[in-house]
C-alpha cells in the first residue's frame, strides 16, 4: 500500500467515525462524549467544527 492509498484510507476512516457520531440519536441539549486517539483528533475536530449540527466543547485534559 503506497502513501497515497494509506492517506486516503486514514481520511476515509475518520469520515466513517464522524458518520457514526452523526447517527447517534440526540436532542438539542444532549451531549455526546467522543474519545479517540491523537491521530484521529485533528480530522474529527475539523469535521465537527465544520458541521452546524454540533458545538465542539473540548475536555480540559490533564
PDB file of N, CA and C in Angstrom:
ATOM      1  N   UNK A   1       0.849  -1.168   0.000  1.00  0.00           N
ATOM      2  CA  UNK A   1       0.000   0.000   0.000  1.00  0.00           C
ATOM      3  C   UNK A   1       0.899   1.237   0.000  1.00  0.00           C
ATOM      4  N   UNK A   2       0.703   2.112  -0.965  1.00  0.00           N
ATOM      5  CA  UNK A   2       1.507   3.319  -1.059  1.00  0.00           C
ATOM      6  C   UNK A   2       1.019   4.412  -0.124  1.00  0.00           C
ATOM      7  N   UNK A   3       1.789   5.490  -0.068  1.00  0.00           N
ATOM      8  CA  UNK A   3       1.465   6.605   0.834  1.00  0.00           C
ATOM      9  C   UNK A   3       0.116   7.234   0.491  1.00  0.00           C
ATOM     10  N   UNK A   4      -0.182   7.388  -0.801  1.00  0.00           N
ATOM     11  CA  UNK A   4      -1.461   7.979  -1.201  1.00  0.00           C
ATOM     12  C   UNK A   4      -2.634   7.104  -0.770  1.00  0.00           C
ATOM     13  N   UNK A   5      -2.504   5.818  -0.986  1.00  0.00           N
ATOM     14  CA  UNK A   5      -3.582   4.894  -0.607  1.00  0.00           C
ATOM     15  C   UNK A   5      -3.771   4.873   0.905  1.00  0.00           C
ATOM     16  N   UNK A   6      -2.675   4.905   1.637  1.00  0.00           N
ATOM     17  CA  UNK A   6      -2.757   4.896   3.098  1.00  0.00           C
ATOM     18  C   UNK A   6      -3.419   6.172   3.621  1.00  0.00           C
ATOM     19  N   UNK A   7      -3.071   7.316   3.042  1.00  0.00           N
ATOM     20  CA  UNK A   7      -3.672   8.574   3.499  1.00  0.00           C
ATOM     21  C   UNK A   7      -5.156   8.618   3.156  1.00  0.00           C
ATOM     22  N   UNK A   8      -5.557   8.079   2.029  1.00  0.00           N
ATOM     23  CA  UNK A   8      -6.977   8.008   1.670  1.00  0.00           C
ATOM     24  C   UNK A   8      -7.717   7.089   2.637  1.00  0.00           C
ATOM     25  N   UNK A   9      -7.107   5.961   2.987  1.00  0.00           N
ATOM     26  CA  UNK A   9      -7.712   5.042   3.949  1.00  0.00           C
ATOM     27  C   UNK A   9      -7.903   5.737   5.292  1.00  0.00           C
ATOM     28  N   UNK A  10      -6.880   6.467   5.740  1.00  0.00           N
ATOM     29  CA  UNK A  10      -6.916   7.123   7.043  1.00  0.00           C
ATOM     30  C   UNK A  10      -8.000   8.202   7.072  1.00  0.00           C
ATOM     31  N   UNK A  11      -8.077   9.022   6.025  1.00  0.00           N
ATOM     32  CA  UNK A  11      -9.096  10.067   5.977  1.00  0.00           C
ATOM     33  C   UNK A  11     -10.485   9.435   5.887  1.00  0.00           C
ATOM     34  N   UNK A  12     -10.620   8.395   5.095  1.00  0.00           N
ATOM     35  CA  UNK A  12     -11.892   7.679   4.960  1.00  0.00           C
ATOM     36  C   UNK A  12     -12.323   7.105   6.303  1.00  0.00           C
ATOM     37  N   UNK A  13     -11.383   6.584   7.054  1.00  0.00           N
ATOM     38  CA  UNK A  13     -11.672   6.033   8.377  1.00  0.00           C
ATOM     39  C   UNK A  13     -12.248   7.106   9.285  1.00  0.00           C
ATOM     40  N   UNK A  14     -11.670   8.308   9.237  1.00  0.00           N
ATOM     41  CA  UNK A  14     -12.175   9.419  10.035  1.00  0.00           C
ATOM     42  C   UNK A  14     -13.572   9.850   9.593  1.00  0.00           C
ATOM     43  N   UNK A  15     -13.845   9.813   8.297  1.00  0.00           N
ATOM     44  CA  UNK A  15     -15.188  10.124   7.807  1.00  0.00           C
ATOM     45  C   UNK A  15     -16.205   9.105   8.315  1.00  0.00           C
ATOM     46  N   UNK A  16     -15.816   7.833   8.355  1.00  0.00           N
ATOM     47  CA  UNK A  16     -16.704   6.793   8.880  1.00  0.00           C
ATOM     48  C   UNK A  16     -16.976   6.994  10.371  1.00  0.00           C
ATOM     49  N   UNK A  17     -15.951   7.378  11.113  1.00  0.00           N
ATOM     50  CA  UNK A  17     -16.120   7.652  12.540  1.00  0.00           C
ATOM     51  C   UNK A  17     -17.097   8.810  12.730  1.00  0.00           C
ATOM     52  N   UNK A  18     -16.907   9.878  11.952  1.00  0.00           N
ATOM     53  CA  UNK A  18     -17.798  11.036  12.047  1.00  0.00           C
ATOM     54  C   UNK A  18     -19.223  10.660  11.665  1.00  0.00           C
ATOM     55  N   UNK A  19     -19.381   9.844  10.648  1.00  0.00           N
ATOM     56  CA  UNK A  19     -20.711   9.389  10.236  1.00  0.00           C
ATOM     57  C   UNK A  19     -21.380   8.591  11.358  1.00  0.00           C
ATOM     58  N   UNK A  20     -20.632   7.776  12.053  1.00  0.00           N
ATOM     59  CA  UNK A  20     -21.176   7.039  13.195  1.00  0.00           C
ATOM     60  C   UNK A  20     -21.623   7.986  14.302  1.00  0.00           C
ATOM     61  N   UNK A  21     -20.872   9.060  14.519  1.00  0.00           N
ATOM     62  CA  UNK A  21     -21.265  10.067  15.508  1.00  0.00           C
ATOM     63  C   UNK A  21     -22.579  10.724  15.080  1.00  0.00           C
ATOM     64  N   UNK A  22     -22.703  11.035  13.793  1.00  0.00           N
ATOM     65  CA  UNK A  22     -23.924  11.660  13.290  1.00  0.00           C
ATOM     66  C   UNK A  22     -25.144  10.761  13.448  1.00  0.00           C
ATOM     67  N   UNK A  23     -24.952   9.476  13.440  1.00  0.00           N
ATOM     68  CA  UNK A  23     -26.071   8.541  13.517  1.00  0.00           C
ATOM     69  C   UNK A  23     -26.543   8.281  14.946  1.00  0.00           C
ATOM     70  N   UNK A  24     -25.866   8.860  15.928  1.00  0.00           N
ATOM     71  CA  UNK A  24     -26.299   8.734  17.320  1.00  0.00           C
ATOM     72  C   UNK A  24     -27.521   9.628  17.508  1.00  0.00           C
ATOM     73  N   UNK A  25     -28.621   9.034  17.964  1.00  0.00           N
ATOM     74  CA  UNK A  25     -29.827   9.816  18.198  1.00  0.00           C
ATOM     75  C   UNK A  25     -29.613  10.808  19.327  1.00  0.00           C
ATOM     76  N   UNK A  26     -30.009  12.065  19.114  1.00  0.00           N
ATOM     77  CA  UNK A  26     -29.829  13.080  20.154  1.00  0.00           C
ATOM     78  C   UNK A  26     -30.844  14.201  19.986  1.00  0.00           C
ATOM     79  N   UNK A  27     -31.163  14.846  21.101  1.00  0.00           N
ATOM     80  CA  UNK A  27     -32.000  16.043  21.110  1.00  0.00           C
ATOM     81  C   UNK A  27     -31.090  17.251  21.226  1.00  0.00           C
ATOM     82  N   UNK A  28     -31.672  18.436  21.126  1.00  0.00           N
ATOM     83  CA  UNK A  28     -30.892  19.667  21.120  1.00  0.00           C
ATOM     84  C   UNK A  28     -29.948  19.871  22.282  1.00  0.00           C
ATOM     85  N   UNK A  29     -30.326  19.435  23.473  1.00  0.00           N
ATOM     86  CA  UNK A  29     -29.496  19.681  24.661  1.00  0.00           C
ATOM     87  C   UNK A  29     -28.654  18.479  25.073  1.00  0.00           C
ATOM     88  N   UNK A  30     -28.717  17.399  24.326  1.00  0.00           N
ATOM     89  CA  UNK A  30     -27.917  16.213  24.638  1.00  0.00           C
ATOM     90  C   UNK A  30     -26.442  16.479  24.389  1.00  0.00           C
ATOM     91  N   UNK A  31     -25.608  15.720  25.065  1.00  0.00           N
ATOM     92  CA  UNK A  31     -24.160  15.796  24.877  1.00  0.00           C
ATOM     93  C   UNK A  31     -23.660  14.437  24.433  1.00  0.00           C
ATOM     94  N   UNK A  32     -22.662  14.444  23.580  1.00  0.00           N
ATOM     95  CA  UNK A  32     -22.038  13.210  23.101  1.00  0.00           C
ATOM     96  C   UNK A  32     -20.556  13.292  23.440  1.00  0.00           C
ATOM     97  N   UNK A  33     -20.058  12.332  24.182  1.00  0.00           N
ATOM     98  CA  UNK A  33     -18.636  12.277  24.528  1.00  0.00           C
ATOM     99  C   UNK A  33     -17.939  11.361  23.530  1.00  0.00           C
ATOM    100  N   UNK A  34     -16.926  11.887  22.861  1.00  0.00           N
ATOM    101  CA  UNK A  34     -16.178  11.127  21.862  1.00  0.00           C
ATOM    102  C   UNK A  34     -14.731  11.018  22.336  1.00  0.00           C
ATOM    103  N   UNK A  35     -14.256   9.800  22.490  1.00  0.00           N
ATOM    104  CA  UNK A  35     -12.870   9.565  22.906  1.00  0.00           C
ATOM    105  C   UNK A  35     -12.134   8.855  21.774  1.00  0.00           C
ATOM    106  N   UNK A  36     -11.096   9.495  21.264  1.00  0.00           N
ATOM    107  CA  UNK A  36     -10.267   8.897  20.222  1.00  0.00           C
ATOM    108  C   UNK A  36      -8.831   9.308  20.425  1.00  0.00           C
ATOM    109  N   UNK A  37      -7.950   8.575  19.810  1.00  0.00           N
ATOM    110  CA  UNK A  37      -6.530   8.866  19.914  1.00  0.00           C
ATOM    111  C   UNK A  37      -6.132  10.108  19.140  1.00  0.00           C
ATOM    112  N   UNK A  38      -4.943  10.571  19.426  1.00  0.00           N
ATOM    113  CA  UNK A  38      -4.420  11.800  18.853  1.00  0.00           C
ATOM    114  C   UNK A  38      -4.421  11.800  17.328  1.00  0.00           C
ATOM    115  N   UNK A  39      -4.183  10.662  16.718  1.00  0.00           N
ATOM    116  CA  UNK A  39      -4.146  10.583  15.265  1.00  0.00           C
ATOM    117  C   UNK A  39      -5.471  10.923  14.608  1.00  0.00           C
ATOM    118  N   UNK A  40      -6.570  10.692  15.309  1.00  0.00           N
ATOM    119  CA  UNK A  40      -7.890  10.967  14.755  1.00  0.00           C
ATOM    120  C   UNK A  40      -8.408  12.354  15.134  1.00  0.00           C
ATOM    121  N   UNK A  41      -7.920  12.909  16.222  1.00  0.00           N
ATOM    122  CA  UNK A  41      -8.499  14.127  16.787  1.00  0.00           C
ATOM    123  C   UNK A  41      -8.494  15.297  15.812  1.00  0.00           C
ATOM    124  N   UNK A  42      -7.419  15.521  15.097  1.00  0.00           N
ATOM    125  CA  UNK A  42      -7.339  16.675  14.194  1.00  0.00           C
ATOM    126  C   UNK A  42      -8.430  16.671  13.142  1.00  0.00           C
ATOM    127  N   UNK A  43      -8.614  15.546  12.474  1.00  0.00           N
ATOM    128  CA  UNK A  43      -9.629  15.460  11.412  1.00  0.00           C
ATOM    129  C   UNK A  43     -11.026  15.488  12.014  1.00  0.00           C
ATOM    130  N   UNK A  44     -11.250  14.744  13.107  1.00  0.00           N
ATOM    131  CA  UNK A  44     -12.574  14.736  13.722  1.00  0.00           C
ATOM    132  C   UNK A  44     -12.950  16.126  14.238  1.00  0.00           C
ATOM    133  N   UNK A  45     -11.999  16.826  14.822  1.00  0.00           N
ATOM    134  CA  UNK A  45     -12.245  18.189  15.298  1.00  0.00           C
ATOM    135  C   UNK A  45     -12.648  19.084  14.138  1.00  0.00           C
ATOM    136  N   UNK A  46     -11.947  18.996  13.028  1.00  0.00           N
ATOM    137  CA  UNK A  46     -12.256  19.786  11.836  1.00  0.00           C
ATOM    138  C   UNK A  46     -13.659  19.456  11.310  1.00  0.00           C
ATOM    139  N   UNK A  47     -14.001  18.174  11.252  1.00  0.00           N
ATOM    140  CA  UNK A  47     -15.319  17.765  10.767  1.00  0.00           C
ATOM    141  C   UNK A  47     -16.427  18.278  11.679  1.00  0.00           C
ATOM    142  N   UNK A  48     -16.227  18.174  12.993  1.00  0.00           N
ATOM    143  CA  UNK A  48     -17.246  18.622  13.941  1.00  0.00           C
ATOM    144  C   UNK A  48     -17.396  20.141  13.896  1.00  0.00           C
ATOM    145  N   UNK A  49     -16.282  20.863  13.832  1.00  0.00           N
ATOM    146  CA  UNK A  49     -16.337  22.324  13.761  1.00  0.00           C
ATOM    147  C   UNK A  49     -16.974  22.801  12.455  1.00  0.00           C
ATOM    148  N   UNK A  50     -16.860  22.009  11.400  1.00  0.00           N
ATOM    149  CA  UNK A  50     -17.435  22.365  10.100  1.00  0.00           C
ATOM    150  C   UNK A  50     -18.918  22.051  10.010  1.00  0.00           C
ATOM    151  N   UNK A  51     -19.427  21.330  10.972  1.00  0.00           N
ATOM    152  CA  UNK A  51     -20.826  20.915  10.974  1.00  0.00           C
ATOM    153  C   UNK A  51     -21.658  21.881  11.818  1.00  0.00           C
ATOM    154  N   UNK A  52     -22.758  22.368  11.248  1.00  0.00           N
ATOM    155  CA  UNK A  52     -23.663  23.243  12.003  1.00  0.00           C
ATOM    156  C   UNK A  52     -24.466  22.443  13.030  1.00  0.00           C
ATOM    157  N   UNK A  53     -24.397  21.134  12.943  1.00  0.00           N
ATOM    158  CA  UNK A  53     -25.173  20.251  13.813  1.00  0.00           C
ATOM    159  C   UNK A  53     -24.606  20.173  15.228  1.00  0.00           C
ATOM    160  N   UNK A  54     -23.323  20.463  15.403  1.00  0.00           N
ATOM    161  CA  UNK A  54     -22.648  20.260  16.691  1.00  0.00           C
ATOM    162  C   UNK A  54     -21.917  21.505  17.153  1.00  0.00           C
ATOM    163  N   UNK A  55     -21.789  21.618  18.476  1.00  0.00           N
ATOM    164  CA  UNK A  55     -20.922  22.623  19.092  1.00  0.00           C
ATOM    165  C   UNK A  55     -19.822  21.843  19.803  1.00  0.00           C
ATOM    166  N   UNK A  56     -18.599  22.065  19.407  1.00  0.00           N
ATOM    167  CA  UNK A  56     -17.463  21.340  19.990  1.00  0.00           C
ATOM    168  C   UNK A  56     -17.097  21.966  21.337  1.00  0.00           C
ATOM    169  N   UNK A  57     -17.027  21.125  22.370  1.00  0.00           N
ATOM    170  CA  UNK A  57     -16.557  21.553  23.679  1.00  0.00           C
ATOM    171  C   UNK A  57     -15.405  20.622  24.020  1.00  0.00           C
ATOM    172  N   UNK A  58     -14.203  21.189  24.089  1.00  0.00           N
ATOM    173  CA  UNK A  58     -13.026  20.362  24.361  1.00  0.00           C
ATOM    174  C   UNK A  58     -12.918  20.085  25.861  1.00  0.00           C
ATOM    175  N   UNK A  59     -12.524  18.876  26.179  1.00  0.00           N
ATOM    176  CA  UNK A  59     -12.316  18.470  27.560  1.00  0.00           C
ATOM    177  C   UNK A  59     -11.014  19.049  28.061  1.00  0.00           C
ATOM    178  N   UNK A  60     -10.956  19.412  29.325  1.00  0.00           N
ATOM    179  CA  UNK A  60      -9.802  20.080  29.909  1.00  0.00           C
ATOM    180  C   UNK A  60      -8.514  19.285  29.916  1.00  0.00           C
ATOM    181  N   UNK A  61      -8.562  17.975  29.856  1.00  0.00           N
ATOM    182  CA  UNK A  61      -7.342  17.169  29.836  1.00  0.00           C
ATOM    183  C   UNK A  61      -6.553  17.250  31.135  1.00  0.00           C
ATOM    184  N   UNK A  62      -5.379  16.632  31.111  1.00  0.00           N
ATOM    185  CA  UNK A  62      -4.548  16.577  32.317  1.00  0.00           C
ATOM    186  C   UNK A  62      -3.643  17.771  32.422  1.00  0.00           C
TER     187      UNK A  62
END
